[in-house]
PDB file of all heavy atoms in Angstrom:
ATOM      1  N   ASN A   1     128.166  92.147 111.251  1.00  0.00           N
ATOM      2  CA  ASN A   1     127.242  91.803 112.346  1.00  0.00           C
ATOM      3  C   ASN A   1     126.017  91.036 111.869  1.00  0.00           C
ATOM      4  O   ASN A   1     125.152  90.697 112.668  1.00  0.00           O
ATOM      5  CB  ASN A   1     126.829  93.044 113.107  1.00  0.00           C
ATOM      6  CG  ASN A   1     126.074  94.047 112.234  1.00  0.00           C
ATOM      7  OD1 ASN A   1     126.382  94.160 111.043  1.00  0.00           O
ATOM      8  ND2 ASN A   1     125.109  94.734 112.801  1.00  0.00           N
ATOM      9  N   VAL A   2     125.927  90.796 110.577  1.00  0.00           N
ATOM     10  CA  VAL A   2     124.822  89.955 110.041  1.00  0.00           C
ATOM     11  C   VAL A   2     125.297  88.507 110.068  1.00  0.00           C
ATOM     12  O   VAL A   2     126.151  88.100 109.303  1.00  0.00           O
ATOM     13  CB  VAL A   2     124.444  90.390 108.588  1.00  0.00           C
ATOM     14  CG1 VAL A   2     123.341  89.492 108.042  1.00  0.00           C
ATOM     15  CG2 VAL A   2     124.013  91.856 108.585  1.00  0.00           C
ATOM     16  N   ASP A   3     124.676  87.764 111.003  1.00  0.00           N
ATOM     17  CA  ASP A   3     125.117  86.366 111.187  1.00  0.00           C
ATOM     18  C   ASP A   3     124.615  85.431 110.095  1.00  0.00           C
ATOM     19  O   ASP A   3     125.305  84.514 109.698  1.00  0.00           O
ATOM     20  CB  ASP A   3     124.606  85.868 112.557  1.00  0.00           C
ATOM     21  CG  ASP A   3     125.319  86.528 113.721  1.00  0.00           C
ATOM     22  OD1 ASP A   3     126.402  87.152 113.488  1.00  0.00           O
ATOM     23  OD2 ASP A   3     124.810  86.470 114.846  1.00  0.00           O
ATOM     24  N   ALA A   4     123.351  85.609 109.668  1.00  0.00           N
ATOM     25  CA  ALA A   4     122.773  84.712 108.694  1.00  0.00           C
ATOM     26  C   ALA A   4     121.611  85.354 108.012  1.00  0.00           C
ATOM     27  O   ALA A   4     120.884  86.165 108.587  1.00  0.00           O
ATOM     28  CB  ALA A   4     122.327  83.405 109.403  1.00  0.00           C
ATOM     29  N   LEU A   5     121.380  84.950 106.755  1.00  0.00           N
ATOM     30  CA  LEU A   5     120.210  85.336 105.989  1.00  0.00           C
ATOM     31  C   LEU A   5     119.601  84.047 105.416  1.00  0.00           C
ATOM     32  O   LEU A   5     120.210  83.389 104.578  1.00  0.00           O
ATOM     33  CB  LEU A   5     120.572  86.287 104.856  1.00  0.00           C
ATOM     34  CG  LEU A   5     121.136  87.675 105.312  1.00  0.00           C
ATOM     35  CD1 LEU A   5     121.707  88.447 104.109  1.00  0.00           C
ATOM     36  CD2 LEU A   5     120.025  88.475 105.983  1.00  0.00           C
ATOM     37  N   LEU A   6     118.404  83.716 105.910  1.00  0.00           N
ATOM     38  CA  LEU A   6     117.862  82.363 105.678  1.00  0.00           C
ATOM     39  C   LEU A   6     116.486  82.438 105.047  1.00  0.00           C
ATOM     40  O   LEU A   6     115.664  83.253 105.404  1.00  0.00           O
ATOM     41  CB  LEU A   6     117.753  81.614 107.012  1.00  0.00           C
ATOM     42  CG  LEU A   6     119.035  81.534 107.863  1.00  0.00           C
ATOM     43  CD1 LEU A   6     118.730  80.999 109.246  1.00  0.00           C
ATOM     44  CD2 LEU A   6     120.092  80.671 107.167  1.00  0.00           C
ATOM     45  N   GLU A   7     116.251  81.500 104.105  1.00  0.00           N
ATOM     46  CA  GLU A   7     114.901  81.331 103.551  1.00  0.00           C
ATOM     47  C   GLU A   7     114.098  80.506 104.551  1.00  0.00           C
ATOM     48  O   GLU A   7     114.430  79.341 104.845  1.00  0.00           O
ATOM     49  CB  GLU A   7     114.947  80.613 102.223  1.00  0.00           C
ATOM     50  CG  GLU A   7     113.577  80.478 101.564  1.00  0.00           C
ATOM     51  CD  GLU A   7     113.640  79.784 100.213  1.00  0.00           C
ATOM     52  OE1 GLU A   7     114.750  79.470  99.742  1.00  0.00           O
ATOM     53  OE2 GLU A   7     112.563  79.514  99.662  1.00  0.00           O
ATOM     54  N   MET A   8     113.038  81.111 105.104  1.00  0.00           N
ATOM     55  CA  MET A   8     112.341  80.453 106.168  1.00  0.00           C
ATOM     56  C   MET A   8     110.890  81.034 106.280  1.00  0.00           C
ATOM     57  O   MET A   8     110.706  82.222 106.002  1.00  0.00           O
ATOM     58  CB  MET A   8     113.079  80.668 107.506  1.00  0.00           C
ATOM     59  CG  MET A   8     112.710  79.712 108.603  1.00  0.00           C
ATOM     60  SD  MET A   8     113.751  79.900 110.086  1.00  0.00           S
ATOM     61  CE  MET A   8     115.317  79.297 109.473  1.00  0.00           C
ATOM     62  N   ASP A   9     109.969  80.181 106.626  1.00  0.00           N
ATOM     63  CA  ASP A   9     108.584  80.593 106.851  1.00  0.00           C
ATOM     64  C   ASP A   9     108.480  81.239 108.243  1.00  0.00           C
ATOM     65  O   ASP A   9     108.748  80.593 109.257  1.00  0.00           O
ATOM     66  CB  ASP A   9     107.684  79.369 106.787  1.00  0.00           C
ATOM     67  CG  ASP A   9     106.194  79.687 106.866  1.00  0.00           C
ATOM     68  OD1 ASP A   9     105.840  80.808 107.277  1.00  0.00           O
ATOM     69  OD2 ASP A   9     105.389  78.822 106.486  1.00  0.00           O
ATOM     70  N   ALA A  10     108.068  82.481 108.281  1.00  0.00           N
ATOM     71  CA  ALA A  10     108.004  83.239 109.552  1.00  0.00           C
ATOM     72  C   ALA A  10     106.962  82.625 110.535  1.00  0.00           C
ATOM     73  O   ALA A  10     107.085  82.850 111.724  1.00  0.00           O
ATOM     74  CB  ALA A  10     107.660  84.678 109.293  1.00  0.00           C
ATOM     75  N   GLU A  11     106.002  81.914 110.003  1.00  0.00           N
ATOM     76  CA  GLU A  11     104.988  81.309 110.881  1.00  0.00           C
ATOM     77  C   GLU A  11     105.457  79.993 111.521  1.00  0.00           C
ATOM     78  O   GLU A  11     104.836  79.506 112.444  1.00  0.00           O
ATOM     79  CB  GLU A  11     103.700  81.075 110.101  1.00  0.00           C
ATOM     80  CG  GLU A  11     102.984  82.324 109.629  1.00  0.00           C
ATOM     81  CD  GLU A  11     101.697  82.050 108.917  1.00  0.00           C
ATOM     82  OE1 GLU A  11     101.306  80.859 108.855  1.00  0.00           O
ATOM     83  OE2 GLU A  11     101.067  83.003 108.430  1.00  0.00           O
ATOM     84  N   GLU A  12     106.554  79.464 110.981  1.00  0.00           N
ATOM     85  CA  GLU A  12     107.031  78.181 111.501  1.00  0.00           C
ATOM     86  C   GLU A  12     108.568  78.141 111.260  1.00  0.00           C
ATOM     87  O   GLU A  12     109.046  77.446 110.388  1.00  0.00           O
ATOM     88  CB  GLU A  12     106.337  76.999 110.773  1.00  0.00           C
ATOM     89  CG  GLU A  12     106.623  75.673 111.421  1.00  0.00           C
ATOM     90  CD  GLU A  12     105.826  74.549 110.763  1.00  0.00           C
ATOM     91  OE1 GLU A  12     105.061  74.831 109.837  1.00  0.00           O
ATOM     92  OE2 GLU A  12     105.992  73.402 111.187  1.00  0.00           O
ATOM     93  N   THR A  13     109.291  78.878 112.102  1.00  0.00           N
ATOM     94  CA  THR A  13     110.753  78.935 111.923  1.00  0.00           C
ATOM     95  C   THR A  13     111.391  77.678 112.472  1.00  0.00           C
ATOM     96  O   THR A  13     110.747  76.843 113.115  1.00  0.00           O
ATOM     97  CB  THR A  13     111.323  80.171 112.635  1.00  0.00           C
ATOM     98  OG1 THR A  13     111.279  79.960 114.051  1.00  0.00           O
ATOM     99  CG2 THR A  13     110.577  81.450 112.276  1.00  0.00           C
ATOM    100  N   LYS A  14     112.667  77.551 112.207  1.00  0.00           N
ATOM    101  CA  LYS A  14     113.418  76.394 112.673  1.00  0.00           C
ATOM    102  C   LYS A  14     114.269  76.685 113.907  1.00  0.00           C
ATOM    103  O   LYS A  14     115.081  75.871 114.333  1.00  0.00           O
ATOM    104  CB  LYS A  14     114.351  75.903 111.552  1.00  0.00           C
ATOM    105  CG  LYS A  14     113.628  75.595 110.230  1.00  0.00           C
ATOM    106  CD  LYS A  14     112.521  74.561 110.401  1.00  0.00           C
ATOM    107  CE  LYS A  14     111.850  74.294 109.070  1.00  0.00           C
ATOM    108  NZ  LYS A  14     110.709  73.332 109.224  1.00  0.00           N
ATOM    109  N   PHE A  15     114.069  77.854 114.528  1.00  0.00           N
ATOM    110  CA  PHE A  15     114.904  78.254 115.634  1.00  0.00           C
ATOM    111  C   PHE A  15     114.401  77.619 116.967  1.00  0.00           C
ATOM    112  O   PHE A  15     113.188  77.429 117.125  1.00  0.00           O
ATOM    113  CB  PHE A  15     114.875  79.777 115.822  1.00  0.00           C
ATOM    114  CG  PHE A  15     115.330  80.537 114.610  1.00  0.00           C
ATOM    115  CD1 PHE A  15     114.433  81.346 113.899  1.00  0.00           C
ATOM    116  CD2 PHE A  15     116.625  80.439 114.144  1.00  0.00           C
ATOM    117  CE1 PHE A  15     114.847  82.048 112.780  1.00  0.00           C
ATOM    118  CE2 PHE A  15     117.033  81.141 113.018  1.00  0.00           C
ATOM    119  CZ  PHE A  15     116.158  81.946 112.326  1.00  0.00           C
ATOM    120  N   PRO A  16     115.327  77.319 117.872  1.00  0.00           N
ATOM    121  CA  PRO A  16     114.902  76.841 119.178  1.00  0.00           C
ATOM    122  C   PRO A  16     114.164  77.929 119.960  1.00  0.00           C
ATOM    123  O   PRO A  16     114.217  79.122 119.624  1.00  0.00           O
ATOM    124  CB  PRO A  16     116.250  76.511 119.877  1.00  0.00           C
ATOM    125  CG  PRO A  16     117.236  76.376 118.772  1.00  0.00           C
ATOM    126  CD  PRO A  16     116.782  77.299 117.706  1.00  0.00           C
ATOM    127  N   ASP A  17     113.433  77.518 120.984  1.00  0.00           N
ATOM    128  CA  ASP A  17     112.774  78.472 121.852  1.00  0.00           C
ATOM    129  C   ASP A  17     113.791  79.489 122.418  1.00  0.00           C
ATOM    130  O   ASP A  17     114.937  79.114 122.691  1.00  0.00           O
ATOM    131  CB  ASP A  17     112.087  77.775 123.021  1.00  0.00           C
ATOM    132  CG  ASP A  17     110.937  76.873 122.569  1.00  0.00           C
ATOM    133  OD1 ASP A  17     110.629  76.859 121.380  1.00  0.00           O
ATOM    134  OD2 ASP A  17     110.386  76.191 123.456  1.00  0.00           O
ATOM    135  N   ALA A  18     113.312  80.729 122.601  1.00  0.00           N
ATOM    136  CA  ALA A  18     114.124  81.753 123.297  1.00  0.00           C
ATOM    137  C   ALA A  18     115.485  81.976 122.675  1.00  0.00           C
ATOM    138  O   ALA A  18     116.500  82.086 123.370  1.00  0.00           O
ATOM    139  CB  ALA A  18     114.204  81.416 124.800  1.00  0.00           C
ATOM    140  N   SER A  19     115.536  81.996 121.350  1.00  0.00           N
ATOM    141  CA  SER A  19     116.811  82.168 120.653  1.00  0.00           C
ATOM    142  C   SER A  19     117.245  83.615 120.522  1.00  0.00           C
ATOM    143  O   SER A  19     118.445  83.885 120.296  1.00  0.00           O
ATOM    144  CB  SER A  19     116.676  81.592 119.240  1.00  0.00           C
ATOM    145  OG  SER A  19     116.505  80.220 119.237  1.00  0.00           O
ATOM    146  N   PHE A  20     116.289  84.586 120.661  1.00  0.00           N
ATOM    147  CA  PHE A  20     116.637  85.977 120.369  1.00  0.00           C
ATOM    148  C   PHE A  20     116.198  86.883 121.499  1.00  0.00           C
ATOM    149  O   PHE A  20     115.246  86.588 122.249  1.00  0.00           O
ATOM    150  CB  PHE A  20     115.957  86.392 119.050  1.00  0.00           C
ATOM    151  CG  PHE A  20     116.400  85.607 117.843  1.00  0.00           C
ATOM    152  CD1 PHE A  20     115.666  84.515 117.434  1.00  0.00           C
ATOM    153  CD2 PHE A  20     117.540  85.940 117.194  1.00  0.00           C
ATOM    154  CE1 PHE A  20     116.077  83.776 116.337  1.00  0.00           C
ATOM    155  CE2 PHE A  20     117.952  85.206 116.081  1.00  0.00           C
ATOM    156  CZ  PHE A  20     117.229  84.134 115.650  1.00  0.00           C
ATOM    157  N   ASP A  21     116.894  88.005 121.600  1.00  0.00           N
ATOM    158  CA  ASP A  21     116.504  89.056 122.568  1.00  0.00           C
ATOM    159  C   ASP A  21     115.406  89.943 121.980  1.00  0.00           C
ATOM    160  O   ASP A  21     114.562  90.468 122.713  1.00  0.00           O
ATOM    161  CB  ASP A  21     117.694  89.937 122.898  1.00  0.00           C
ATOM    162  CG  ASP A  21     118.853  89.133 123.512  1.00  0.00           C
ATOM    163  OD1 ASP A  21     118.623  88.521 124.575  1.00  0.00           O
ATOM    164  OD2 ASP A  21     119.934  89.131 122.943  1.00  0.00           O
ATOM    165  N   ILE A  22     115.421  90.111 120.670  1.00  0.00           N
ATOM    166  CA  ILE A  22     114.509  91.002 119.985  1.00  0.00           C
ATOM    167  C   ILE A  22     114.112  90.392 118.664  1.00  0.00           C
ATOM    168  O   ILE A  22     114.954  89.811 117.956  1.00  0.00           O
ATOM    169  CB  ILE A  22     115.149  92.399 119.701  1.00  0.00           C
ATOM    170  CG1 ILE A  22     115.674  93.034 120.993  1.00  0.00           C
ATOM    171  CG2 ILE A  22     114.192  93.320 118.987  1.00  0.00           C
ATOM    172  CD1 ILE A  22     116.643  94.187 120.735  1.00  0.00           C
ATOM    173  N   ALA A  23     112.837  90.491 118.309  1.00  0.00           N
ATOM    174  CA  ALA A  23     112.393  90.167 116.939  1.00  0.00           C
ATOM    175  C   ALA A  23     111.669  91.351 116.362  1.00  0.00           C
ATOM    176  O   ALA A  23     110.839  91.976 117.044  1.00  0.00           O
ATOM    177  CB  ALA A  23     111.474  88.953 116.946  1.00  0.00           C
ATOM    178  N   VAL A  24     112.027  91.725 115.148  1.00  0.00           N
ATOM    179  CA  VAL A  24     111.350  92.838 114.465  1.00  0.00           C
ATOM    180  C   VAL A  24     110.855  92.343 113.103  1.00  0.00           C
ATOM    181  O   VAL A  24     111.602  91.810 112.328  1.00  0.00           O
ATOM    182  CB  VAL A  24     112.311  94.050 114.324  1.00  0.00           C
ATOM    183  CG1 VAL A  24     113.618  93.694 113.649  1.00  0.00           C
ATOM    184  CG2 VAL A  24     111.602  95.211 113.586  1.00  0.00           C
ATOM    185  N   ALA A  25     109.549  92.493 112.921  1.00  0.00           N
ATOM    186  CA  ALA A  25     108.933  92.080 111.673  1.00  0.00           C
ATOM    187  C   ALA A  25     108.557  93.314 110.842  1.00  0.00           C
ATOM    188  O   ALA A  25     107.711  94.107 111.252  1.00  0.00           O
ATOM    189  CB  ALA A  25     107.694  91.238 111.967  1.00  0.00           C
ATOM    190  N   MET A  26     109.218  93.449 109.718  1.00  0.00           N
ATOM    191  CA  MET A  26     109.040  94.684 108.900  1.00  0.00           C
ATOM    192  C   MET A  26     108.169  94.378 107.691  1.00  0.00           C
ATOM    193  O   MET A  26     108.541  93.593 106.829  1.00  0.00           O
ATOM    194  CB  MET A  26     110.419  95.183 108.450  1.00  0.00           C
ATOM    195  CG  MET A  26     111.322  95.563 109.585  1.00  0.00           C
ATOM    196  SD  MET A  26     112.585  96.721 109.091  1.00  0.00           S
ATOM    197  CE  MET A  26     113.581  96.835 110.561  1.00  0.00           C
ATOM    198  N   PHE A  27     106.963  94.964 107.685  1.00  0.00           N
ATOM    199  CA  PHE A  27     106.049  94.862 106.540  1.00  0.00           C
ATOM    200  C   PHE A  27     105.711  93.407 106.252  1.00  0.00           C
ATOM    201  O   PHE A  27     105.609  93.017 105.095  1.00  0.00           O
ATOM    202  CB  PHE A  27     106.656  95.584 105.336  1.00  0.00           C
ATOM    203  CG  PHE A  27     107.221  96.911 105.633  1.00  0.00           C
ATOM    204  CD1 PHE A  27     108.571  97.175 105.723  1.00  0.00           C
ATOM    205  CD2 PHE A  27     106.350  97.985 105.916  1.00  0.00           C
ATOM    206  CE1 PHE A  27     109.058  98.417 106.029  1.00  0.00           C
ATOM    207  CE2 PHE A  27     106.840  99.255 106.243  1.00  0.00           C
ATOM    208  CZ  PHE A  27     108.210  99.470 106.278  1.00  0.00           C
ATOM    209  N   VAL A  28     105.550  92.611 107.293  1.00  0.00           N
ATOM    210  CA  VAL A  28     105.284  91.182 107.145  1.00  0.00           C
ATOM    211  C   VAL A  28     103.886  90.791 107.591  1.00  0.00           C
ATOM    212  O   VAL A  28     103.294  89.869 107.060  1.00  0.00           O
ATOM    213  CB  VAL A  28     106.348  90.367 107.927  1.00  0.00           C
ATOM    214  CG1 VAL A  28     105.991  88.873 107.983  1.00  0.00           C
ATOM    215  CG2 VAL A  28     107.710  90.541 107.332  1.00  0.00           C
ATOM    216  N   ALA A  29     103.354  91.491 108.597  1.00  0.00           N
ATOM    217  CA  ALA A  29     102.094  91.096 109.189  1.00  0.00           C
ATOM    218  C   ALA A  29     100.962  91.032 108.150  1.00  0.00           C
ATOM    219  O   ALA A  29     100.049  90.201 108.256  1.00  0.00           O
ATOM    220  CB  ALA A  29     101.715  92.044 110.323  1.00  0.00           C
ATOM    221  N   SER A  30     101.009  91.907 107.160  1.00  0.00           N
ATOM    222  CA  SER A  30      99.971  91.936 106.148  1.00  0.00           C
ATOM    223  C   SER A  30     100.314  91.048 104.961  1.00  0.00           C
ATOM    224  O   SER A  30      99.590  91.043 103.925  1.00  0.00           O
ATOM    225  CB  SER A  30      99.730  93.361 105.651  1.00  0.00           C
ATOM    226  OG  SER A  30     100.947  93.944 105.240  1.00  0.00           O
ATOM    227  N   VAL A  31     101.376  90.233 105.084  1.00  0.00           N
ATOM    228  CA  VAL A  31     101.790  89.347 104.024  1.00  0.00           C
ATOM    229  C   VAL A  31     101.524  87.884 104.385  1.00  0.00           C
ATOM    230  O   VAL A  31     101.050  87.082 103.531  1.00  0.00           O
ATOM    231  CB  VAL A  31     103.281  89.529 103.712  1.00  0.00           C
ATOM    232  CG1 VAL A  31     103.799  88.477 102.712  1.00  0.00           C
ATOM    233  CG2 VAL A  31     103.555  90.945 103.184  1.00  0.00           C
ATOM    234  N   VAL A  32     101.784  87.523 105.635  1.00  0.00           N
ATOM    235  CA  VAL A  32     101.668  86.091 106.017  1.00  0.00           C
ATOM    236  C   VAL A  32     100.234  85.658 105.999  1.00  0.00           C
ATOM    237  O   VAL A  32      99.307  86.464 106.246  1.00  0.00           O
ATOM    238  CB  VAL A  32     102.270  85.858 107.408  1.00  0.00           C
ATOM    239  CG1 VAL A  32     103.771  86.122 107.412  1.00  0.00           C
ATOM    240  CG2 VAL A  32     101.586  86.692 108.479  1.00  0.00           C
ATOM    241  N   PRO A  33      99.976  84.352 105.745  1.00  0.00           N
ATOM    242  CA  PRO A  33      98.586  83.846 105.734  1.00  0.00           C
ATOM    243  C   PRO A  33      97.880  83.909 107.075  1.00  0.00           C
ATOM    244  O   PRO A  33      96.673  84.112 107.148  1.00  0.00           O
ATOM    245  CB  PRO A  33      98.741  82.408 105.251  1.00  0.00           C
ATOM    246  CG  PRO A  33     100.058  82.348 104.555  1.00  0.00           C
ATOM    247  CD  PRO A  33     100.912  83.345 105.264  1.00  0.00           C
ATOM    248  N   HIS A  34      98.649  83.715 108.174  1.00  0.00           N
ATOM    249  CA  HIS A  34      98.068  83.635 109.509  1.00  0.00           C
ATOM    250  C   HIS A  34      98.814  84.544 110.447  1.00  0.00           C
ATOM    251  O   HIS A  34      99.736  84.086 111.149  1.00  0.00           O
ATOM    252  CB  HIS A  34      98.068  82.196 109.992  1.00  0.00           C
ATOM    253  CG  HIS A  34      97.553  81.177 109.018  1.00  0.00           C
ATOM    254  ND1 HIS A  34      98.375  80.434 108.207  1.00  0.00           N
ATOM    255  CD2 HIS A  34      96.276  80.872 108.701  1.00  0.00           C
ATOM    256  CE1 HIS A  34      97.629  79.656 107.455  1.00  0.00           C
ATOM    257  NE2 HIS A  34      96.358  79.910 107.708  1.00  0.00           N
ATOM    258  N   PRO A  35      98.450  85.808 110.556  1.00  0.00           N
ATOM    259  CA  PRO A  35      99.197  86.765 111.391  1.00  0.00           C
ATOM    260  C   PRO A  35      99.312  86.383 112.856  1.00  0.00           C
ATOM    261  O   PRO A  35     100.364  86.583 113.504  1.00  0.00           O
ATOM    262  CB  PRO A  35      98.432  88.073 111.205  1.00  0.00           C
ATOM    263  CG  PRO A  35      97.720  87.933 109.913  1.00  0.00           C
ATOM    264  CD  PRO A  35      97.377  86.496 109.809  1.00  0.00           C
ATOM    265  N   ARG A  36      98.240  85.812 113.429  1.00  0.00           N
ATOM    266  CA  ARG A  36      98.294  85.412 114.805  1.00  0.00           C
ATOM    267  C   ARG A  36      99.334  84.309 115.029  1.00  0.00           C
ATOM    268  O   ARG A  36      99.945  84.185 116.081  1.00  0.00           O
ATOM    269  CB  ARG A  36      96.917  84.968 115.334  1.00  0.00           C
ATOM    270  CG  ARG A  36      95.892  86.126 115.420  1.00  0.00           C
ATOM    271  CD  ARG A  36      96.055  86.965 116.630  1.00  0.00           C
ATOM    272  NE  ARG A  36      95.091  88.037 116.725  1.00  0.00           N
ATOM    273  CZ  ARG A  36      93.891  87.958 117.280  1.00  0.00           C
ATOM    274  NH1 ARG A  36      93.507  86.800 117.803  1.00  0.00           N
ATOM    275  NH2 ARG A  36      93.106  89.005 117.300  1.00  0.00           N
TER     276      ARG A  36
END
């Protein structure tokens, strides 16, 4: 059930708008340069 594992910047992904039903960010908010 794991469709893909991709190297990607969470602040600027390559996904189209409204691609997912749910997004879960695990231990990331305190890592990225710009949380907002």
